Protein backbone atom coordinates (compact mmCIF):
# COMPACT_ATOMS: atom_id res chain seq x y z
CA UNK A 1 -54.77 -5.94 13.25
CA UNK A 2 -53.54 -2.87 15.02
CA UNK A 3 -50.74 -4.91 16.61
CA UNK A 4 -49.71 -6.18 13.19
CA UNK A 5 -49.74 -2.66 11.80
CA UNK A 6 -47.62 -1.37 14.68
CA UNK A 7 -45.14 -4.24 14.19
CA UNK A 8 -44.81 -3.44 10.50
CA UNK A 9 -44.23 0.26 11.21
CA UNK A 10 -41.70 -0.58 13.86
CA UNK A 11 -39.70 -2.88 11.55
CA UNK A 12 -39.86 -0.33 8.73
CA UNK A 13 -38.61 2.40 11.01
CA UNK A 14 -35.74 0.24 12.28
CA UNK A 15 -34.60 -0.63 8.74
CA UNK A 16 -34.71 3.08 7.79
CA UNK A 17 -32.68 4.12 10.80
CA UNK A 18 -30.12 1.39 10.13
CA UNK A 19 -29.79 2.48 6.52
CA UNK A 20 -29.40 6.08 7.57
CA UNK A 21 -26.76 5.14 10.08
CA UNK A 22 -24.77 3.14 7.49
CA UNK A 23 -24.95 6.11 5.04
CA UNK A 24 -23.72 8.49 7.65
CA UNK A 25 -20.77 6.18 8.40
CA UNK A 26 -19.91 5.87 4.72
CA UNK A 27 -19.93 9.69 4.25
CA UNK A 28 -18.21 10.44 7.57
CA UNK A 29 -15.30 12.83 7.21
CA UNK A 30 -13.00 10.50 9.12
CA UNK A 31 -13.68 7.51 6.84
CA UNK A 32 -10.59 6.22 4.95
CA UNK A 33 -9.93 8.45 1.98
CA UNK A 34 -7.44 6.05 0.33
CA UNK A 35 -7.11 2.27 0.04
CA UNK A 36 -3.85 0.53 -0.88
CA UNK A 37 -3.46 -2.93 -2.35
CA UNK A 38 -0.57 -5.11 -3.50
CA UNK A 39 -0.55 -7.83 -6.14
CA UNK A 40 2.30 -10.21 -6.69
CA UNK A 41 2.79 -11.21 -10.30
CA UNK A 42 4.91 -13.53 -12.49
CA UNK A 43 5.29 -12.25 -16.07
CA UNK A 44 2.18 -10.13 -15.66
CA UNK A 45 0.03 -12.92 -14.18
CA UNK A 46 -0.95 -12.98 -10.46
CA UNK A 47 1.04 -15.68 -8.74
CA UNK A 48 1.85 -17.04 -5.36
CA UNK A 49 4.73 -19.35 -6.32
CA UNK A 50 8.08 -18.53 -7.88
CA UNK A 51 11.17 -20.62 -8.71
CA UNK A 52 14.27 -19.62 -6.78
CA UNK A 53 16.01 -16.72 -8.50
CA UNK A 54 13.03 -15.73 -10.70
CA UNK A 55 12.04 -12.03 -10.80
CA UNK A 56 8.92 -11.05 -8.87
CA UNK A 57 6.71 -8.22 -9.92
CA UNK A 58 5.12 -6.16 -7.17
CA UNK A 59 2.14 -4.08 -8.29
CA UNK A 60 1.12 -1.51 -5.69
CA UNK A 61 -2.04 0.43 -6.15
CA UNK A 62 -3.52 3.35 -4.30
CA UNK A 63 -7.05 4.52 -4.90
CA UNK A 64 -8.79 7.72 -3.99
CA UNK A 65 -12.16 6.43 -2.85
CA UNK A 66 -13.78 9.84 -2.46
CA UNK A 67 -15.66 12.00 -4.92
CA UNK A 68 -13.21 14.90 -4.44
CA UNK A 69 -9.67 15.72 -5.60
CA UNK A 70 -6.93 14.85 -3.05
CA UNK A 71 -3.13 15.34 -2.90
CA UNK A 72 -0.35 13.40 -1.19
CA UNK A 73 3.04 14.79 -0.26
CA UNK A 74 6.39 12.97 -0.08
CA UNK A 75 9.70 14.19 1.31
CA UNK A 76 11.84 12.32 -1.22
CA UNK A 77 11.59 10.73 -4.67
CA UNK A 78 10.89 7.43 -2.95
CA UNK A 79 7.19 7.22 -3.18
CA UNK A 80 6.90 3.60 -1.99
CA UNK A 81 8.76 0.86 -0.19
CA UNK A 82 8.31 -2.94 -0.19
CA UNK A 83 9.42 -5.53 2.38
CA UNK A 84 9.43 -9.32 2.45
CA UNK A 85 9.43 -11.35 5.67
CA UNK A 86 9.63 -15.00 6.60
CA UNK A 87 6.03 -16.31 6.74
CA UNK A 88 4.39 -15.77 10.11
CA UNK A 89 7.19 -13.67 11.50
CA UNK A 90 8.48 -10.10 11.54
CA UNK A 91 11.89 -11.10 10.29
CA UNK A 92 12.64 -8.89 7.27
CA UNK A 93 14.71 -10.68 4.59
CA UNK A 94 14.40 -7.92 1.92
CA UNK A 95 13.37 -4.28 1.40
CA UNK A 96 13.62 -2.65 -1.96
CA UNK A 97 15.55 0.37 -0.54
CA UNK A 98 17.87 -1.96 1.34
CA UNK A 99 18.61 -4.25 -1.65
CA UNK A 100 22.36 -4.23 -2.13
CA UNK A 101 21.95 -5.91 -5.52
CA UNK A 102 19.40 -3.43 -6.97
CA UNK A 103 20.57 -1.39 -9.88
CA UNK A 104 17.85 1.18 -9.35
CA UNK A 105 18.46 4.30 -7.31
CA UNK A 106 15.19 4.18 -5.46
CA UNK A 107 12.27 1.84 -5.02
CA UNK A 108 10.15 3.77 -7.47
CA UNK A 109 12.38 4.23 -10.49
CA UNK A 110 9.79 2.16 -12.40
CA UNK A 111 6.92 4.08 -10.89
CA UNK A 112 4.40 5.97 -13.04
CA UNK A 113 2.51 8.18 -10.66
CA UNK A 114 1.29 11.56 -11.88
CA UNK A 115 3.71 13.90 -10.13
CA UNK A 116 2.01 17.27 -9.81
CA UNK A 117 4.93 19.31 -8.61
CA UNK A 118 8.10 19.46 -6.56
CA UNK A 119 9.16 22.25 -4.28
CA UNK A 120 10.24 23.44 -0.90
CA UNK A 121 7.90 23.50 2.17
CA UNK A 122 7.61 26.35 4.57
CA UNK A 123 9.92 24.52 6.95
CA UNK A 124 12.63 24.41 4.25
CA UNK A 125 12.40 20.72 3.34
CA UNK A 126 11.88 19.49 -0.20
CA UNK A 127 8.72 17.69 -1.22
CA UNK A 128 6.98 15.93 -4.08
CA UNK A 129 3.26 16.31 -4.62
CA UNK A 130 1.03 13.74 -6.31
CA UNK A 131 -2.55 14.72 -7.13
CA UNK A 132 -5.55 12.36 -7.40
CA UNK A 133 -8.78 13.24 -9.06
CA UNK A 134 -12.06 11.84 -7.74
CA UNK A 135 -11.98 8.03 -7.57
CA UNK A 136 -8.61 7.96 -9.37
CA UNK A 137 -6.26 5.01 -9.05
CA UNK A 138 -2.49 5.25 -9.44
CA UNK A 139 -0.14 2.23 -9.63
CA UNK A 140 3.56 1.62 -9.03
CA UNK A 141 5.14 -1.57 -10.40
CA UNK A 142 8.51 -2.70 -9.04
CA UNK A 143 10.39 -5.75 -10.35
CA UNK A 144 12.21 -7.49 -7.60
CA UNK A 145 15.14 -9.70 -8.54
CA UNK A 146 14.17 -12.36 -5.93
CA UNK A 147 17.38 -11.73 -4.05
CA UNK A 148 17.58 -10.87 -0.33
CA UNK A 149 19.24 -7.79 1.16
CA UNK A 150 22.62 -9.70 1.05
CA UNK A 151 22.30 -10.34 -2.66
CA UNK A 152 21.60 -14.04 -2.16
CA UNK A 153 18.73 -16.02 -3.63
CA UNK A 154 15.83 -16.43 -1.23
CA UNK A 155 15.89 -19.87 0.31
CA UNK A 156 13.15 -22.30 -0.68
CA UNK A 157 10.22 -21.73 1.63
CA UNK A 158 7.24 -19.50 2.51
CA UNK A 159 7.28 -15.76 2.76
CA UNK A 160 5.04 -12.77 2.95
CA UNK A 161 5.51 -9.37 1.21
CA UNK A 162 3.81 -6.00 1.65
CA UNK A 163 4.18 -2.55 0.29
CA UNK A 164 3.07 0.97 0.86
CA UNK A 165 3.35 4.62 0.02
CA UNK A 166 5.91 6.60 2.01
CA UNK A 167 3.57 9.55 2.46
CA UNK A 168 4.80 12.05 5.02
CA UNK A 169 1.84 14.37 4.75
CA UNK A 170 -1.67 14.23 3.45
CA UNK A 171 -2.79 17.85 3.97
CA UNK A 172 0.13 20.00 2.78
CA UNK A 173 3.93 20.30 2.72
CA UNK A 174 4.03 22.55 5.75
CA UNK A 175 1.85 20.58 8.06
CA UNK A 176 2.43 17.70 10.47
CA UNK A 177 3.75 14.35 9.28
CA UNK A 178 1.51 11.36 8.71
CA UNK A 179 4.19 8.75 9.39
CA UNK A 180 1.89 6.69 11.60
CA UNK A 181 -0.09 5.33 8.63
CA UNK A 182 2.66 5.50 5.97
CA UNK A 183 5.10 2.84 4.89
CA UNK A 184 8.47 3.07 6.59
CA UNK A 185 11.54 3.81 4.64
CA UNK A 186 14.15 1.23 5.25
CA UNK A 187 13.47 -1.95 7.16
CA UNK A 188 10.09 -1.86 8.88
CA UNK A 189 9.59 -2.83 12.55
CA UNK A 190 6.92 -5.33 13.65
CA UNK A 191 4.68 -2.37 14.61
CA UNK A 192 4.91 -0.99 11.08
CA UNK A 193 3.57 -4.13 9.42
CA UNK A 194 -0.06 -3.49 9.99
CA UNK A 195 -2.18 -2.43 6.99
CA UNK A 196 -3.37 1.18 6.81
CA UNK A 197 -4.81 3.41 4.13
CA UNK A 198 -1.23 3.70 2.68
CA UNK A 199 0.06 0.20 3.46
CA UNK A 200 -1.17 -3.05 1.95
CA UNK A 201 -1.87 -6.29 3.74
CA UNK A 202 0.77 -9.09 3.80
CA UNK A 203 0.59 -11.19 0.66
CA UNK A 204 1.84 -14.80 0.94
CA UNK A 205 4.11 -16.36 -1.66
CA UNK A 206 6.50 -19.24 -1.81
CA UNK A 207 9.89 -19.95 -3.34
CA UNK A 208 10.37 -23.33 -4.94
CA UNK A 209 13.34 -25.31 -6.25
CA UNK A 210 13.98 -24.51 -9.93
CA UNK A 211 13.11 -27.20 -12.37
CA UNK A 212 16.22 -28.91 -13.75
CA UNK A 213 16.80 -28.16 -17.43
């Protein structure tokens, strides 16, 4: 009976310690404060297939997953960038800020983040500040024409697209840059295609032959 009692106590203690450990990890100061996701849509509906030449909506979301207010800082009006690659490769076929056919000035002309302020940092550079309340989500929607950086329709085939926020600083306009976990401006390198707190995962989609009218 004593052996059984000791076993029950041991198991209970182990479960309690495991739970305490998990809680401490969840509340750890170095846990990810933001999470970024990308959804590919066709006329407002999530989709993974598009006819050649059809517009593609890219919905990029960043969420403050903490119970406190946070701010992000950007060194230009381009809050985000998107890039499409041939499936399974690092070959970039399109970026929104490299799109020669785009009529928008930046990748985020259709953005609707809550811009808190603009100004000049202590180092003399300009910045844009976006504030997040506790658990707040902010979204940027960019409509891609479905053309590559040369202005041509994407060839029929399989692709992957990802997006991210071009944050240069997460702690203040005068502090060190946070480029290591931010989306690159311009065409990303293979090393810049990994998901981070500011960069989404690669989302697969395909381009199909248009149906003859």
